Protein backbone atom coordinates (compact mmCIF):
# COMPACT_ATOMS: atom_id res chain seq x y z
CA UNK A 1 0.00 0.00 0.00
CA UNK A 2 1.27 3.43 -0.92
CA UNK A 3 1.45 6.60 1.10
CA UNK A 4 0.70 10.15 -0.01
CA UNK A 5 3.21 12.93 0.73
CA UNK A 6 2.47 16.55 -0.21
CA UNK A 7 4.70 19.59 -0.14
CA UNK A 8 3.63 23.22 -0.19
CA UNK A 9 5.43 26.54 -0.25
CA UNK A 10 3.39 28.81 2.02
CA UNK A 11 3.59 32.24 3.63
CA UNK A 12 3.27 32.71 7.39
CA UNK A 13 -0.41 33.55 6.94
CA UNK A 14 -1.03 30.31 5.02
CA UNK A 15 -1.12 31.76 1.49
CA UNK A 16 0.21 29.29 -1.06
CA UNK A 17 -1.32 30.67 -4.26
CA UNK A 18 1.08 31.70 -7.05
CA UNK A 19 4.32 31.17 -5.12
CA UNK A 20 6.28 33.62 -7.28
CA UNK A 21 6.70 35.61 -4.04
CA UNK A 22 9.18 32.89 -2.96
CA UNK A 23 11.73 34.04 -5.56
CA UNK A 24 12.89 36.91 -3.34
CA UNK A 25 14.23 34.34 -0.84
CA UNK A 26 16.21 32.23 -3.26
CA UNK A 27 16.25 28.46 -3.14
CA UNK A 28 18.53 27.07 -0.44
CA UNK A 29 20.22 23.87 -1.71
CA UNK A 30 19.19 22.11 1.51
CA UNK A 31 15.55 22.71 0.51
CA UNK A 32 16.33 20.84 -2.69
CA UNK A 33 17.80 18.00 -0.63
CA UNK A 34 14.63 17.78 1.46
CA UNK A 35 12.45 17.70 -1.66
CA UNK A 36 14.76 15.13 -3.27
CA UNK A 37 14.24 12.86 -0.26
CA UNK A 38 10.48 12.97 -0.85
CA UNK A 39 10.62 12.55 -4.62
CA UNK A 40 13.39 9.95 -4.35
CA UNK A 41 11.05 7.49 -2.66
CA UNK A 42 8.07 8.43 -4.80
CA UNK A 43 6.80 6.11 -7.50
CA UNK A 44 3.83 8.21 -8.65
CA UNK A 45 2.69 11.83 -8.79
CA UNK A 46 -0.82 13.01 -7.87
CA UNK A 47 -1.83 16.50 -8.99
CA UNK A 48 -4.93 18.64 -9.14
CA UNK A 49 -5.88 19.69 -12.65
CA UNK A 50 -4.87 23.35 -12.19
CA UNK A 51 -1.39 22.46 -10.92
CA UNK A 52 -1.03 19.87 -13.69
CA UNK A 53 -1.89 22.52 -16.30
CA UNK A 54 0.85 24.77 -14.87
CA UNK A 55 3.45 22.01 -14.46
CA UNK A 56 3.05 20.35 -17.87
CA UNK A 57 4.49 23.18 -20.01
CA UNK A 58 7.08 24.00 -17.33
CA UNK A 59 8.48 20.45 -17.01
CA UNK A 60 7.74 18.38 -20.12
CA UNK A 61 10.63 19.76 -22.19
CA UNK A 62 13.18 20.02 -19.38
CA UNK A 63 16.12 17.68 -19.30
CA UNK A 64 18.36 16.59 -16.45
CA UNK A 65 20.84 19.23 -17.66
CA UNK A 66 18.16 21.89 -17.14
CA UNK A 67 17.05 20.58 -13.75
CA UNK A 68 17.99 17.42 -11.85
CA UNK A 69 14.30 16.92 -11.03
CA UNK A 70 13.24 16.71 -14.69
CA UNK A 71 13.49 12.92 -15.05
CA UNK A 72 11.29 12.39 -12.00
CA UNK A 73 8.57 14.73 -13.24
CA UNK A 74 8.69 13.55 -16.84
CA UNK A 75 9.18 9.79 -16.40
CA UNK A 76 6.92 9.16 -13.39
CA UNK A 77 3.24 8.39 -13.93
CA UNK A 78 1.11 11.41 -13.11
CA UNK A 79 -2.47 10.94 -11.88
CA UNK A 80 -4.63 14.04 -12.29
CA UNK A 81 -7.74 14.86 -10.28
CA UNK A 82 -10.21 17.26 -11.86
CA UNK A 83 -13.70 17.41 -13.28
CA UNK A 84 -12.72 19.02 -16.59
CA UNK A 85 -10.67 17.63 -19.46
CA UNK A 86 -6.95 18.34 -19.53
CA UNK A 87 -5.79 20.97 -21.99
CA UNK A 88 -2.07 20.17 -21.74
CA UNK A 89 -0.26 17.08 -23.02
CA UNK A 90 2.41 15.52 -20.82
CA UNK A 91 3.70 11.96 -21.10
CA UNK A 92 2.75 9.28 -18.58
CA UNK A 93 -0.46 11.01 -17.48
CA UNK A 94 -3.70 9.39 -16.36
CA UNK A 95 -6.82 11.41 -15.59
CA UNK A 96 -8.71 10.20 -12.50
CA UNK A 97 -11.75 12.46 -12.95
CA UNK A 98 -13.39 14.51 -10.19
CA UNK A 99 -12.11 14.19 -6.63
CA UNK A 100 -13.32 10.90 -5.20
CA UNK A 101 -11.90 9.63 -1.87
CA UNK A 102 -12.64 6.04 -2.95
CA UNK A 103 -10.60 6.46 -6.13
CA UNK A 104 -7.70 7.89 -4.12
CA UNK A 105 -7.88 4.98 -1.65
CA UNK A 106 -7.82 2.59 -4.60
CA UNK A 107 -4.78 4.38 -6.05
CA UNK A 108 -3.00 4.08 -2.68
CA UNK A 109 -3.77 0.34 -2.69
CA UNK A 110 -2.30 -0.04 -6.19
CA UNK A 111 0.90 1.97 -5.72
CA UNK A 112 3.94 0.68 -3.89
CA UNK A 113 5.91 3.56 -2.44
CA UNK A 114 5.07 7.20 -2.02
CA UNK A 115 2.64 9.19 -4.14
CA UNK A 116 4.01 12.73 -4.41
CA UNK A 117 1.77 15.81 -4.43
CA UNK A 118 3.02 19.34 -5.12
CA UNK A 119 0.81 22.41 -4.92
CA UNK A 120 -2.73 21.25 -5.70
CA UNK A 121 -4.25 23.04 -2.71
CA UNK A 122 -7.84 21.98 -3.27
CA UNK A 123 -6.72 18.37 -3.62
CA UNK A 124 -4.53 18.56 -0.50
CA UNK A 125 -7.42 20.02 1.51
CA UNK A 126 -9.62 17.12 0.40
CA UNK A 127 -6.92 14.57 1.24
CA UNK A 128 -6.52 16.11 4.71
CA UNK A 129 -10.26 16.19 5.32
CA UNK A 130 -10.67 12.57 4.24
CA UNK A 131 -7.67 11.28 6.22
CA UNK A 132 -5.81 10.24 3.05
CA UNK A 133 -2.67 12.38 3.42
CA UNK A 134 0.19 10.61 5.20
CA UNK A 135 2.79 13.40 5.10
CA UNK A 136 2.50 17.17 4.74
CA UNK A 137 5.73 19.09 4.17
CA UNK A 138 5.28 22.82 4.61
CA UNK A 139 8.06 25.15 3.51
CA UNK A 140 7.07 28.27 5.43
CA UNK A 141 8.45 31.57 4.13
CA UNK A 142 8.99 34.52 6.52
CA UNK A 143 6.35 36.75 4.96
CA UNK A 144 2.67 37.47 5.56
CA UNK A 145 1.01 38.34 2.27
CA UNK A 146 -2.37 39.42 3.59
CA UNK A 147 -4.25 38.21 0.51
CA UNK A 148 -4.43 35.15 -1.69
CA UNK A 149 -5.74 31.63 -1.37
CA UNK A 150 -4.81 29.95 1.90
CA UNK A 151 -4.00 26.28 2.22
CA UNK A 152 -6.01 25.80 5.39
CA UNK A 153 -9.53 26.84 4.63
CA UNK A 154 -11.15 23.64 5.82
CA UNK A 155 -14.11 23.92 8.13
CA UNK A 156 -13.28 20.82 10.17
CA UNK A 157 -10.46 20.69 12.69
CA UNK A 158 -7.39 18.96 11.29
CA UNK A 159 -4.90 17.65 13.84
CA UNK A 160 -1.36 16.81 12.76
CA UNK A 161 1.83 15.61 14.45
CA UNK A 162 5.18 17.29 13.83
CA UNK A 163 7.58 14.67 12.43
CA UNK A 164 10.43 16.81 11.10
CA UNK A 165 11.71 20.37 11.16
CA UNK A 166 14.58 22.23 9.57
CA UNK A 167 15.52 25.90 9.24
CA UNK A 168 17.34 27.16 6.15
CA UNK A 169 19.70 30.11 5.82
CA UNK A 170 17.17 32.00 3.65
CA UNK A 171 14.75 32.08 6.61
CA UNK A 172 12.47 29.34 5.30
CA UNK A 173 11.29 26.74 7.80
CA UNK A 174 10.51 23.15 6.71
CA UNK A 175 7.85 21.58 8.90
CA UNK A 176 7.02 17.93 8.28
CA UNK A 177 3.70 16.64 9.60
CA UNK A 178 1.89 13.32 9.74
CA UNK A 179 -1.54 12.30 11.01
CA UNK A 180 -2.14 12.92 14.72
C-alpha atoms as a PDB file:
ATOM      1  CA  UNK A   1       0.000   0.000   0.000  1.00  0.00           C
ATOM      2  CA  UNK A   2       1.269   3.432  -0.925  1.00  0.00           C
ATOM      3  CA  UNK A   3       1.447   6.604   1.096  1.00  0.00           C
ATOM      4  CA  UNK A   4       0.703  10.154  -0.009  1.00  0.00           C
ATOM      5  CA  UNK A   5       3.214  12.931   0.725  1.00  0.00           C
ATOM      6  CA  UNK A   6       2.474  16.546  -0.215  1.00  0.00           C
ATOM      7  CA  UNK A   7       4.703  19.586  -0.141  1.00  0.00           C
ATOM      8  CA  UNK A   8       3.626  23.222  -0.192  1.00  0.00           C
ATOM      9  CA  UNK A   9       5.431  26.544  -0.252  1.00  0.00           C
ATOM     10  CA  UNK A  10       3.386  28.812   2.019  1.00  0.00           C
ATOM     11  CA  UNK A  11       3.593  32.243   3.627  1.00  0.00           C
ATOM     12  CA  UNK A  12       3.269  32.712   7.389  1.00  0.00           C
ATOM     13  CA  UNK A  13      -0.407  33.547   6.941  1.00  0.00           C
ATOM     14  CA  UNK A  14      -1.028  30.310   5.018  1.00  0.00           C
ATOM     15  CA  UNK A  15      -1.123  31.759   1.494  1.00  0.00           C
ATOM     16  CA  UNK A  16       0.209  29.295  -1.061  1.00  0.00           C
ATOM     17  CA  UNK A  17      -1.318  30.675  -4.255  1.00  0.00           C
ATOM     18  CA  UNK A  18       1.075  31.697  -7.054  1.00  0.00           C
ATOM     19  CA  UNK A  19       4.322  31.174  -5.124  1.00  0.00           C
ATOM     20  CA  UNK A  20       6.279  33.623  -7.279  1.00  0.00           C
ATOM     21  CA  UNK A  21       6.703  35.613  -4.038  1.00  0.00           C
ATOM     22  CA  UNK A  22       9.183  32.892  -2.958  1.00  0.00           C
ATOM     23  CA  UNK A  23      11.730  34.045  -5.562  1.00  0.00           C
ATOM     24  CA  UNK A  24      12.894  36.909  -3.336  1.00  0.00           C
ATOM     25  CA  UNK A  25      14.233  34.337  -0.839  1.00  0.00           C
ATOM     26  CA  UNK A  26      16.214  32.227  -3.263  1.00  0.00           C
ATOM     27  CA  UNK A  27      16.247  28.459  -3.135  1.00  0.00           C
ATOM     28  CA  UNK A  28      18.526  27.065  -0.442  1.00  0.00           C
ATOM     29  CA  UNK A  29      20.222  23.868  -1.714  1.00  0.00           C
ATOM     30  CA  UNK A  30      19.191  22.115   1.508  1.00  0.00           C
ATOM     31  CA  UNK A  31      15.551  22.709   0.509  1.00  0.00           C
ATOM     32  CA  UNK A  32      16.331  20.838  -2.690  1.00  0.00           C
ATOM     33  CA  UNK A  33      17.798  18.001  -0.630  1.00  0.00           C
ATOM     34  CA  UNK A  34      14.625  17.782   1.464  1.00  0.00           C
ATOM     35  CA  UNK A  35      12.453  17.700  -1.661  1.00  0.00           C
ATOM     36  CA  UNK A  36      14.762  15.131  -3.272  1.00  0.00           C
ATOM     37  CA  UNK A  37      14.244  12.861  -0.255  1.00  0.00           C
ATOM     38  CA  UNK A  38      10.483  12.970  -0.852  1.00  0.00           C
ATOM     39  CA  UNK A  39      10.624  12.551  -4.619  1.00  0.00           C
ATOM     40  CA  UNK A  40      13.391   9.952  -4.347  1.00  0.00           C
ATOM     41  CA  UNK A  41      11.047   7.492  -2.657  1.00  0.00           C
ATOM     42  CA  UNK A  42       8.066   8.426  -4.801  1.00  0.00           C
ATOM     43  CA  UNK A  43       6.795   6.109  -7.499  1.00  0.00           C
ATOM     44  CA  UNK A  44       3.828   8.207  -8.650  1.00  0.00           C
ATOM     45  CA  UNK A  45       2.687  11.831  -8.795  1.00  0.00           C
ATOM     46  CA  UNK A  46      -0.821  13.012  -7.873  1.00  0.00           C
ATOM     47  CA  UNK A  47      -1.833  16.499  -8.987  1.00  0.00           C
ATOM     48  CA  UNK A  48      -4.925  18.637  -9.137  1.00  0.00           C
ATOM     49  CA  UNK A  49      -5.876  19.694 -12.648  1.00  0.00           C
ATOM     50  CA  UNK A  50      -4.867  23.354 -12.194  1.00  0.00           C
ATOM     51  CA  UNK A  51      -1.392  22.463 -10.920  1.00  0.00           C
ATOM     52  CA  UNK A  52      -1.030  19.873 -13.688  1.00  0.00           C
ATOM     53  CA  UNK A  53      -1.887  22.515 -16.304  1.00  0.00           C
ATOM     54  CA  UNK A  54       0.854  24.771 -14.869  1.00  0.00           C
ATOM     55  CA  UNK A  55       3.445  22.013 -14.457  1.00  0.00           C
ATOM     56  CA  UNK A  56       3.050  20.352 -17.875  1.00  0.00           C
ATOM     57  CA  UNK A  57       4.495  23.181 -20.006  1.00  0.00           C
ATOM     58  CA  UNK A  58       7.084  23.999 -17.334  1.00  0.00           C
ATOM     59  CA  UNK A  59       8.478  20.453 -17.010  1.00  0.00           C
ATOM     60  CA  UNK A  60       7.740  18.381 -20.123  1.00  0.00           C
ATOM     61  CA  UNK A  61      10.629  19.764 -22.192  1.00  0.00           C
ATOM     62  CA  UNK A  62      13.178  20.024 -19.379  1.00  0.00           C
ATOM     63  CA  UNK A  63      16.124  17.680 -19.303  1.00  0.00           C
ATOM     64  CA  UNK A  64      18.363  16.590 -16.448  1.00  0.00           C
ATOM     65  CA  UNK A  65      20.842  19.229 -17.655  1.00  0.00           C
ATOM     66  CA  UNK A  66      18.158  21.888 -17.140  1.00  0.00           C
ATOM     67  CA  UNK A  67      17.054  20.584 -13.750  1.00  0.00           C
ATOM     68  CA  UNK A  68      17.991  17.418 -11.855  1.00  0.00           C
ATOM     69  CA  UNK A  69      14.298  16.920 -11.032  1.00  0.00           C
ATOM     70  CA  UNK A  70      13.241  16.713 -14.692  1.00  0.00           C
ATOM     71  CA  UNK A  71      13.491  12.917 -15.054  1.00  0.00           C
ATOM     72  CA  UNK A  72      11.291  12.393 -12.002  1.00  0.00           C
ATOM     73  CA  UNK A  73       8.572  14.734 -13.242  1.00  0.00           C
ATOM     74  CA  UNK A  74       8.692  13.549 -16.842  1.00  0.00           C
ATOM     75  CA  UNK A  75       9.179   9.790 -16.402  1.00  0.00           C
ATOM     76  CA  UNK A  76       6.922   9.157 -13.393  1.00  0.00           C
ATOM     77  CA  UNK A  77       3.236   8.392 -13.927  1.00  0.00           C
ATOM     78  CA  UNK A  78       1.106  11.410 -13.112  1.00  0.00           C
ATOM     79  CA  UNK A  79      -2.474  10.942 -11.884  1.00  0.00           C
ATOM     80  CA  UNK A  80      -4.627  14.035 -12.290  1.00  0.00           C
ATOM     81  CA  UNK A  81      -7.743  14.857 -10.281  1.00  0.00           C
ATOM     82  CA  UNK A  82     -10.212  17.264 -11.861  1.00  0.00           C
ATOM     83  CA  UNK A  83     -13.703  17.407 -13.282  1.00  0.00           C
ATOM     84  CA  UNK A  84     -12.721  19.023 -16.592  1.00  0.00           C
ATOM     85  CA  UNK A  85     -10.670  17.635 -19.462  1.00  0.00           C
ATOM     86  CA  UNK A  86      -6.950  18.344 -19.529  1.00  0.00           C
ATOM     87  CA  UNK A  87      -5.792  20.972 -21.992  1.00  0.00           C
ATOM     88  CA  UNK A  88      -2.068  20.174 -21.739  1.00  0.00           C
ATOM     89  CA  UNK A  89      -0.260  17.084 -23.021  1.00  0.00           C
ATOM     90  CA  UNK A  90       2.406  15.518 -20.819  1.00  0.00           C
ATOM     91  CA  UNK A  91       3.699  11.959 -21.098  1.00  0.00           C
ATOM     92  CA  UNK A  92       2.752   9.285 -18.576  1.00  0.00           C
ATOM     93  CA  UNK A  93      -0.459  11.008 -17.480  1.00  0.00           C
ATOM     94  CA  UNK A  94      -3.700   9.389 -16.365  1.00  0.00           C
ATOM     95  CA  UNK A  95      -6.821  11.408 -15.591  1.00  0.00           C
ATOM     96  CA  UNK A  96      -8.714  10.203 -12.504  1.00  0.00           C
ATOM     97  CA  UNK A  97     -11.751  12.456 -12.952  1.00  0.00           C
ATOM     98  CA  UNK A  98     -13.393  14.507 -10.194  1.00  0.00           C
ATOM     99  CA  UNK A  99     -12.114  14.189  -6.633  1.00  0.00           C
ATOM    100  CA  UNK A 100     -13.317  10.902  -5.196  1.00  0.00           C
ATOM    101  CA  UNK A 101     -11.903   9.630  -1.875  1.00  0.00           C
ATOM    102  CA  UNK A 102     -12.637   6.035  -2.954  1.00  0.00           C
ATOM    103  CA  UNK A 103     -10.596   6.458  -6.134  1.00  0.00           C
ATOM    104  CA  UNK A 104      -7.702   7.892  -4.120  1.00  0.00           C
ATOM    105  CA  UNK A 105      -7.876   4.976  -1.655  1.00  0.00           C
ATOM    106  CA  UNK A 106      -7.821   2.590  -4.601  1.00  0.00           C
ATOM    107  CA  UNK A 107      -4.781   4.379  -6.047  1.00  0.00           C
ATOM    108  CA  UNK A 108      -3.005   4.080  -2.676  1.00  0.00           C
ATOM    109  CA  UNK A 109      -3.772   0.344  -2.689  1.00  0.00           C
ATOM    110  CA  UNK A 110      -2.302  -0.041  -6.194  1.00  0.00           C
ATOM    111  CA  UNK A 111       0.900   1.969  -5.716  1.00  0.00           C
ATOM    112  CA  UNK A 112       3.941   0.678  -3.893  1.00  0.00           C
ATOM    113  CA  UNK A 113       5.905   3.562  -2.443  1.00  0.00           C
ATOM    114  CA  UNK A 114       5.069   7.200  -2.015  1.00  0.00           C
ATOM    115  CA  UNK A 115       2.635   9.190  -4.135  1.00  0.00           C
ATOM    116  CA  UNK A 116       4.007  12.730  -4.406  1.00  0.00           C
ATOM    117  CA  UNK A 117       1.772  15.813  -4.428  1.00  0.00           C
ATOM    118  CA  UNK A 118       3.018  19.339  -5.124  1.00  0.00           C
ATOM    119  CA  UNK A 119       0.808  22.406  -4.919  1.00  0.00           C
ATOM    120  CA  UNK A 120      -2.730  21.254  -5.701  1.00  0.00           C
ATOM    121  CA  UNK A 121      -4.245  23.042  -2.705  1.00  0.00           C
ATOM    122  CA  UNK A 122      -7.844  21.977  -3.269  1.00  0.00           C
ATOM    123  CA  UNK A 123      -6.718  18.367  -3.621  1.00  0.00           C
ATOM    124  CA  UNK A 124      -4.527  18.561  -0.498  1.00  0.00           C
ATOM    125  CA  UNK A 125      -7.416  20.025   1.511  1.00  0.00           C
ATOM    126  CA  UNK A 126      -9.621  17.116   0.397  1.00  0.00           C
ATOM    127  CA  UNK A 127      -6.919  14.569   1.245  1.00  0.00           C
ATOM    128  CA  UNK A 128      -6.523  16.106   4.712  1.00  0.00           C
ATOM    129  CA  UNK A 129     -10.259  16.193   5.318  1.00  0.00           C
ATOM    130  CA  UNK A 130     -10.670  12.566   4.242  1.00  0.00           C
ATOM    131  CA  UNK A 131      -7.674  11.281   6.216  1.00  0.00           C
ATOM    132  CA  UNK A 132      -5.811  10.236   3.055  1.00  0.00           C
ATOM    133  CA  UNK A 133      -2.669  12.380   3.419  1.00  0.00           C
ATOM    134  CA  UNK A 134       0.192  10.608   5.197  1.00  0.00           C
ATOM    135  CA  UNK A 135       2.792  13.405   5.104  1.00  0.00           C
ATOM    136  CA  UNK A 136       2.499  17.166   4.745  1.00  0.00           C
ATOM    137  CA  UNK A 137       5.734  19.089   4.167  1.00  0.00           C
ATOM    138  CA  UNK A 138       5.280  22.825   4.606  1.00  0.00           C
ATOM    139  CA  UNK A 139       8.056  25.151   3.505  1.00  0.00           C
ATOM    140  CA  UNK A 140       7.070  28.272   5.432  1.00  0.00           C
ATOM    141  CA  UNK A 141       8.451  31.572   4.132  1.00  0.00           C
ATOM    142  CA  UNK A 142       8.991  34.525   6.516  1.00  0.00           C
ATOM    143  CA  UNK A 143       6.353  36.746   4.958  1.00  0.00           C
ATOM    144  CA  UNK A 144       2.668  37.466   5.555  1.00  0.00           C
ATOM    145  CA  UNK A 145       1.012  38.345   2.272  1.00  0.00           C
ATOM    146  CA  UNK A 146      -2.373  39.418   3.589  1.00  0.00           C
ATOM    147  CA  UNK A 147      -4.245  38.215   0.512  1.00  0.00           C
ATOM    148  CA  UNK A 148      -4.432  35.152  -1.687  1.00  0.00           C
ATOM    149  CA  UNK A 149      -5.741  31.628  -1.365  1.00  0.00           C
ATOM    150  CA  UNK A 150      -4.813  29.953   1.897  1.00  0.00           C
ATOM    151  CA  UNK A 151      -4.002  26.277   2.222  1.00  0.00           C
ATOM    152  CA  UNK A 152      -6.010  25.799   5.390  1.00  0.00           C
ATOM    153  CA  UNK A 153      -9.533  26.843   4.626  1.00  0.00           C
ATOM    154  CA  UNK A 154     -11.153  23.636   5.824  1.00  0.00           C
ATOM    155  CA  UNK A 155     -14.111  23.924   8.133  1.00  0.00           C
ATOM    156  CA  UNK A 156     -13.281  20.818  10.171  1.00  0.00           C
ATOM    157  CA  UNK A 157     -10.464  20.693  12.694  1.00  0.00           C
ATOM    158  CA  UNK A 158      -7.386  18.961  11.291  1.00  0.00           C
ATOM    159  CA  UNK A 159      -4.895  17.652  13.839  1.00  0.00           C
ATOM    160  CA  UNK A 160      -1.357  16.815  12.761  1.00  0.00           C
ATOM    161  CA  UNK A 161       1.826  15.613  14.451  1.00  0.00           C
ATOM    162  CA  UNK A 162       5.181  17.294  13.833  1.00  0.00           C
ATOM    163  CA  UNK A 163       7.584  14.671  12.427  1.00  0.00           C
ATOM    164  CA  UNK A 164      10.429  16.808  11.100  1.00  0.00           C
ATOM    165  CA  UNK A 165      11.714  20.367  11.161  1.00  0.00           C
ATOM    166  CA  UNK A 166      14.582  22.229   9.570  1.00  0.00           C
ATOM    167  CA  UNK A 167      15.521  25.897   9.239  1.00  0.00           C
ATOM    168  CA  UNK A 168      17.336  27.160   6.155  1.00  0.00           C
ATOM    169  CA  UNK A 169      19.699  30.109   5.816  1.00  0.00           C
ATOM    170  CA  UNK A 170      17.172  31.997   3.651  1.00  0.00           C
ATOM    171  CA  UNK A 171      14.751  32.083   6.614  1.00  0.00           C
ATOM    172  CA  UNK A 172      12.465  29.338   5.303  1.00  0.00           C
ATOM    173  CA  UNK A 173      11.286  26.741   7.797  1.00  0.00           C
ATOM    174  CA  UNK A 174      10.507  23.151   6.712  1.00  0.00           C
ATOM    175  CA  UNK A 175       7.849  21.581   8.895  1.00  0.00           C
ATOM    176  CA  UNK A 176       7.021  17.930   8.279  1.00  0.00           C
ATOM    177  CA  UNK A 177       3.699  16.637   9.602  1.00  0.00           C
ATOM    178  CA  UNK A 178       1.890  13.324   9.743  1.00  0.00           C
ATOM    179  CA  UNK A 179      -1.541  12.304  11.007  1.00  0.00           C
ATOM    180  CA  UNK A 180      -2.141  12.920  14.721  1.00  0.00           C
END
